Amino acid sequence: MRDFLDQMHTSDRWEIEPATLGLDDLDQAEVVQTLEDAVARGRIGDPFSRDPAAVLRGLGLIKNGLIINAAVALFGRADRLLPDYPQCLIKLARFQGVIRGERLLDERQEHGNAFTLLRRAEQFCRQHLPIATQLDPDSMIRHDEPEIPLLALREALANAISHRKYSSAAGSIGVFIYDDRVEVTSIGPLHFGLSVADLFAPHESQPWNPLIAGTLYRRGVVDSLGSGIQRMTRLVEAAGQPTPRIHDTGTSVRVEFQRGTRG
């Protein structure tokens, strides 16, 4: 059954369906900033127009004159997402202990577009993860970084946004911080025959939502397509932490970063 869904996905997927929202329901400043960042990184040629509709067309986010769902997931305004897009949601929680049933120290649920959810997740992790300070002996500058590098967490979050199953209105992304680990979860299994082991080796980029993934790449949220897990692993190991663990439950994918192990 999964193979059949994978084969049908190219022409029949949620991200390319016409949206129920329009251009005025998008954060147009975010649209233009995406273009600016993409041009600055050399990932898009400058079209010399900052018209939001033209930018969306250039990103492939308008089809037959209509905004598609991918545009809403990427740029939808938080105050316009409900009731049609409840799945544009991130759940953030800090638990005391190592199991979800223990004391809940902080919990938030945020609706927003992909870039808003990334920012909210990073802010939450900065708030709840200890900060390690590194001093460069050749410089007066100090470098403050959470015990799990934010760039590694961003890779996990970008993967969740790019590969998650949006067609489920009950779906979401989750960031759950425990005393011993941080979990980043997303609804939907691995696809296209990929196994967890494959993710840690060189492999072709096959995002479940290629328009969303491509926009994140052009914006500079991720440095490359298809090697994010390997880069995430290098960042974590360089910070003195163990290799992240990835679990495919068949209905969701969970990335685990171990805490408190830095030497």
Protein backbone atom coordinates (compact mmCIF):
# COMPACT_ATOMS: atom_id res chain seq x y z
CA MET A 1 0.00 0.00 0.00
CA ARG A 2 2.81 2.41 0.87
CA ASP A 3 4.48 1.75 -2.52
CA PHE A 4 1.21 2.60 -4.30
CA LEU A 5 0.88 5.88 -2.37
CA ASP A 6 4.49 6.75 -3.21
CA GLN A 7 3.83 6.18 -6.93
CA MET A 8 0.68 8.32 -6.89
CA HIS A 9 2.33 11.11 -4.92
CA THR A 10 4.00 12.87 -7.86
CA SER A 11 0.72 14.00 -9.40
CA ASP A 12 -1.65 13.72 -6.45
CA ARG A 13 -0.31 15.35 -3.31
CA TRP A 14 -1.56 17.85 -0.75
CA GLU A 15 1.01 20.59 -1.41
CA ILE A 16 -0.08 21.14 -5.03
CA GLU A 17 -3.84 21.24 -4.38
CA PRO A 18 -5.53 24.66 -4.71
CA ALA A 19 -5.57 26.50 -1.39
CA THR A 20 -8.73 27.77 0.27
CA LEU A 21 -6.84 30.99 1.12
CA GLY A 22 -5.68 33.77 -1.20
CA LEU A 23 -2.71 36.07 -1.61
CA ASP A 24 -3.97 38.49 1.05
CA ASP A 25 -3.94 35.63 3.58
CA LEU A 26 -0.19 35.17 3.21
CA ASP A 27 2.59 37.01 4.99
CA GLN A 28 3.76 38.94 1.95
CA ALA A 29 6.77 40.41 3.78
CA GLU A 30 7.95 36.83 4.41
CA VAL A 31 7.48 36.03 0.73
CA VAL A 32 9.66 38.97 -0.32
CA GLN A 33 12.27 38.20 2.35
CA THR A 34 12.50 34.65 1.01
CA LEU A 35 13.34 36.04 -2.40
CA GLU A 36 15.91 38.45 -0.94
CA ASP A 37 17.64 35.66 0.98
CA ALA A 38 17.57 33.31 -2.01
CA VAL A 39 19.09 35.94 -4.30
CA ALA A 40 21.76 36.79 -1.71
CA ARG A 41 22.74 33.11 -1.55
CA GLY A 42 22.83 32.75 -5.32
CA ARG A 43 20.02 30.19 -5.28
CA ILE A 44 17.68 32.30 -7.41
CA GLY A 45 18.54 34.80 -10.12
CA ASP A 46 17.27 38.26 -9.24
CA PRO A 47 13.97 38.78 -11.14
CA PHE A 48 14.13 42.53 -10.37
CA SER A 49 10.57 42.39 -9.11
CA ARG A 50 9.43 42.13 -5.51
CA ASP A 51 5.78 41.62 -6.31
CA PRO A 52 4.63 38.80 -3.99
CA ALA A 53 2.51 37.10 -6.65
CA ALA A 54 5.44 37.11 -9.06
CA VAL A 55 7.72 35.67 -6.37
CA LEU A 56 5.24 32.89 -5.67
CA ARG A 57 4.99 32.07 -9.36
CA GLY A 58 8.77 31.88 -9.54
CA LEU A 59 8.78 29.44 -6.65
CA GLY A 60 6.11 27.29 -8.33
CA LEU A 61 3.54 28.11 -5.65
CA ILE A 62 0.79 29.35 -7.99
CA LYS A 63 -0.96 26.87 -10.28
CA ASN A 64 -3.53 27.85 -12.88
CA GLY A 65 -3.64 31.30 -11.31
CA LEU A 66 -4.43 29.95 -7.85
CA ILE A 67 -2.39 29.83 -4.64
CA ILE A 68 -1.60 26.21 -3.75
CA ASN A 69 -1.39 24.59 -0.32
CA ALA A 70 2.41 24.70 -0.28
CA ALA A 71 2.24 28.51 -0.33
CA VAL A 72 -0.02 28.47 2.72
CA ALA A 73 2.23 26.06 4.62
CA LEU A 74 5.23 28.27 3.84
CA PHE A 75 3.74 31.75 4.16
CA GLY A 76 0.23 31.62 5.64
CA ARG A 77 -0.58 34.26 8.23
CA ALA A 78 -1.22 32.78 11.66
CA ASP A 79 -4.50 34.68 12.02
CA ARG A 80 -5.82 33.25 8.74
CA LEU A 81 -4.85 29.58 9.08
CA LEU A 82 -7.83 28.45 11.13
CA PRO A 83 -10.18 26.77 10.55
CA ASP A 84 -8.93 25.41 7.21
CA TYR A 85 -5.29 24.67 8.10
CA PRO A 86 -5.12 23.34 11.70
CA GLN A 87 -2.17 21.13 10.69
CA CYS A 88 0.11 24.18 10.38
CA LEU A 89 0.92 23.59 14.02
CA ILE A 90 3.87 22.94 16.28
CA LYS A 91 3.60 21.52 19.79
CA LEU A 92 6.33 22.53 22.23
CA ALA A 93 6.80 21.00 25.65
CA ARG A 94 9.40 20.80 28.42
CA PHE A 95 8.97 17.82 30.73
CA GLN A 96 10.71 17.29 34.05
CA GLY A 97 12.04 13.75 33.95
CA VAL A 98 12.42 11.29 31.10
CA ILE A 99 8.84 10.24 30.32
CA ARG A 100 5.93 12.27 29.00
CA GLY A 101 3.74 11.49 31.97
CA GLU A 102 6.01 13.29 34.41
CA ARG A 103 5.77 16.92 35.45
CA LEU A 104 5.09 19.37 32.62
CA LEU A 105 7.15 22.54 33.09
CA ASP A 106 6.11 24.42 29.96
CA GLU A 107 3.73 23.70 27.08
CA ARG A 108 2.77 25.75 24.04
CA GLN A 109 0.92 25.17 20.78
CA GLU A 110 1.66 27.58 17.95
CA HIS A 111 -0.11 27.91 14.61
CA GLY A 112 1.91 29.54 11.87
CA ASN A 113 3.73 29.18 8.60
CA ALA A 114 6.92 27.17 8.21
CA PHE A 115 9.25 30.08 9.01
CA THR A 116 7.23 31.13 12.05
CA LEU A 117 7.23 27.58 13.39
CA LEU A 118 11.00 27.35 12.93
CA ARG A 119 11.50 30.57 14.88
CA ARG A 120 9.15 29.52 17.68
CA ALA A 121 10.88 26.16 18.04
CA GLU A 122 14.34 27.72 18.16
CA GLN A 123 13.21 30.28 20.74
CA PHE A 124 11.73 27.51 22.89
CA CYS A 125 14.94 25.47 22.72
CA ARG A 126 17.05 28.50 23.61
CA GLN A 127 14.83 29.08 26.62
CA HIS A 128 14.92 25.53 27.94
CA LEU A 129 18.34 24.13 26.97
CA PRO A 130 21.49 25.02 28.94
CA ILE A 131 23.87 27.36 27.16
CA ALA A 132 27.49 26.32 26.68
CA THR A 133 30.01 29.14 26.28
CA GLN A 134 33.11 28.67 24.14
CA LEU A 135 35.97 31.14 24.32
CA ASP A 136 38.21 31.63 21.32
CA PRO A 137 41.78 32.16 22.63
CA ASP A 138 42.57 34.29 19.59
CA SER A 139 39.53 36.53 19.97
CA MET A 140 37.66 38.50 22.63
CA ILE A 141 34.39 37.11 21.28
CA ARG A 142 32.51 34.48 23.27
CA HIS A 143 30.28 31.97 21.50
CA ASP A 144 27.10 30.93 23.32
CA GLU A 145 25.37 27.81 22.01
CA PRO A 146 22.71 25.50 23.50
CA GLU A 147 24.05 22.07 24.45
CA ILE A 148 22.47 20.76 21.23
CA PRO A 149 23.55 23.01 18.33
CA LEU A 150 20.69 25.08 16.96
CA LEU A 151 21.78 24.34 13.39
CA ALA A 152 21.36 20.61 14.09
CA LEU A 153 17.92 21.20 15.58
CA ARG A 154 17.07 23.35 12.55
CA GLU A 155 18.00 20.51 10.20
CA ALA A 156 15.66 18.18 12.09
CA LEU A 157 12.87 20.77 12.01
CA ALA A 158 13.40 21.50 8.32
CA ASN A 159 13.20 17.78 7.59
CA ALA A 160 9.98 17.56 9.58
CA ILE A 161 8.47 20.46 7.62
CA SER A 162 9.65 19.07 4.27
CA HIS A 163 8.65 15.43 4.74
CA ARG A 164 5.62 15.50 7.02
CA LYS A 165 2.12 14.39 6.06
CA TYR A 166 0.08 17.57 5.67
CA SER A 167 -3.09 15.89 4.45
CA SER A 168 -4.03 14.96 8.02
CA ALA A 169 -5.78 17.89 9.66
CA ALA A 170 -4.80 16.44 13.03
CA GLY A 171 -1.10 16.38 12.13
CA SER A 172 1.61 18.58 13.61
CA ILE A 173 5.30 18.87 14.40
CA GLY A 174 6.45 18.36 17.96
CA VAL A 175 9.49 19.49 19.93
CA PHE A 176 9.63 17.77 23.31
CA ILE A 177 12.46 18.45 25.76
CA TYR A 178 13.17 15.93 28.52
CA ASP A 179 15.96 15.81 31.09
CA ASP A 180 17.89 13.30 28.98
CA ARG A 181 16.90 14.12 25.37
CA VAL A 182 15.16 16.37 22.86
CA GLU A 183 12.67 14.84 20.44
CA VAL A 184 11.57 16.34 17.12
CA THR A 185 8.57 14.49 15.70
CA SER A 186 6.46 14.78 12.58
CA ILE A 187 3.41 12.96 11.27
CA GLY A 188 3.97 10.50 8.43
CA PRO A 189 6.45 7.66 7.80
CA LEU A 190 9.58 7.52 5.67
CA HIS A 191 8.76 7.12 1.98
CA PHE A 192 10.21 5.95 -1.35
CA GLY A 193 11.76 2.84 0.19
CA LEU A 194 14.09 4.77 2.49
CA SER A 195 15.07 3.16 5.77
CA VAL A 196 16.48 4.86 8.85
CA ALA A 197 19.90 3.43 8.00
CA ASP A 198 19.70 5.00 4.53
CA LEU A 199 19.33 8.46 6.05
CA PHE A 200 22.81 8.33 7.58
CA ALA A 201 24.43 7.46 4.23
CA PRO A 202 24.56 9.43 0.96
CA HIS A 203 21.19 9.19 -0.77
CA GLU A 204 19.10 11.01 -3.33
CA SER A 205 16.91 13.84 -2.11
CA GLN A 206 13.28 12.73 -2.28
CA PRO A 207 11.25 15.12 -0.13
CA TRP A 208 7.61 14.22 0.32
CA ASN A 209 6.79 17.90 -0.25
CA PRO A 210 9.36 19.02 -2.85
CA LEU A 211 7.98 22.55 -3.35
CA ILE A 212 8.13 23.22 0.38
CA ALA A 213 11.59 21.65 0.66
CA GLY A 214 12.87 23.58 -2.34
CA THR A 215 11.73 26.90 -0.89
CA LEU A 216 13.44 26.14 2.45
CA TYR A 217 16.62 25.36 0.53
CA ARG A 218 16.47 28.55 -1.51
CA ARG A 219 15.83 30.60 1.63
CA GLY A 220 18.94 29.08 3.20
CA VAL A 221 17.18 27.21 6.02
CA VAL A 222 19.06 24.11 4.83
CA ASP A 223 22.37 24.13 3.00
CA SER A 224 21.68 21.21 0.69
CA LEU A 225 19.02 18.68 -0.21
CA GLY A 226 19.53 15.01 0.59
CA SER A 227 22.37 15.36 3.10
CA GLY A 228 20.64 17.11 5.99
CA ILE A 229 20.79 14.14 8.35
CA GLN A 230 24.50 13.68 7.71
CA ARG A 231 25.15 17.38 8.34
CA MET A 232 23.01 17.25 11.50
CA THR A 233 25.06 14.31 12.72
CA ARG A 234 28.36 16.10 12.09
CA LEU A 235 27.17 19.19 13.98
CA VAL A 236 26.05 17.16 16.99
CA GLU A 237 29.19 15.04 17.12
CA ALA A 238 31.40 18.13 16.79
CA ALA A 239 29.64 19.49 19.89
CA GLY A 240 30.62 16.35 21.80
CA GLN A 241 27.21 14.72 21.71
CA PRO A 242 26.26 11.21 20.52
CA THR A 243 24.86 10.55 17.06
CA PRO A 244 21.13 11.39 16.98
CA ARG A 245 18.69 8.50 16.87
CA ILE A 246 15.88 8.29 14.33
CA HIS A 247 12.76 6.17 14.71
CA ASP A 248 10.17 5.44 12.01
CA THR A 249 7.04 4.19 13.75
CA GLY A 250 5.09 3.76 10.50
CA THR A 251 2.86 6.74 11.33
CA SER A 252 5.49 9.26 12.42
CA VAL A 253 9.22 9.94 12.37
CA ARG A 254 11.05 10.90 15.56
CA VAL A 255 14.57 12.34 15.84
CA GLU A 256 16.17 12.07 19.29
CA PHE A 257 19.09 14.21 20.47
CA GLN A 258 20.72 12.96 23.66
CA ARG A 259 21.35 15.52 26.43
CA GLY A 260 23.86 15.83 29.24
CA THR A 261 26.57 13.73 27.63
CA ARG A 262 29.03 16.45 26.57
CA GLY A 263 32.50 15.77 27.90
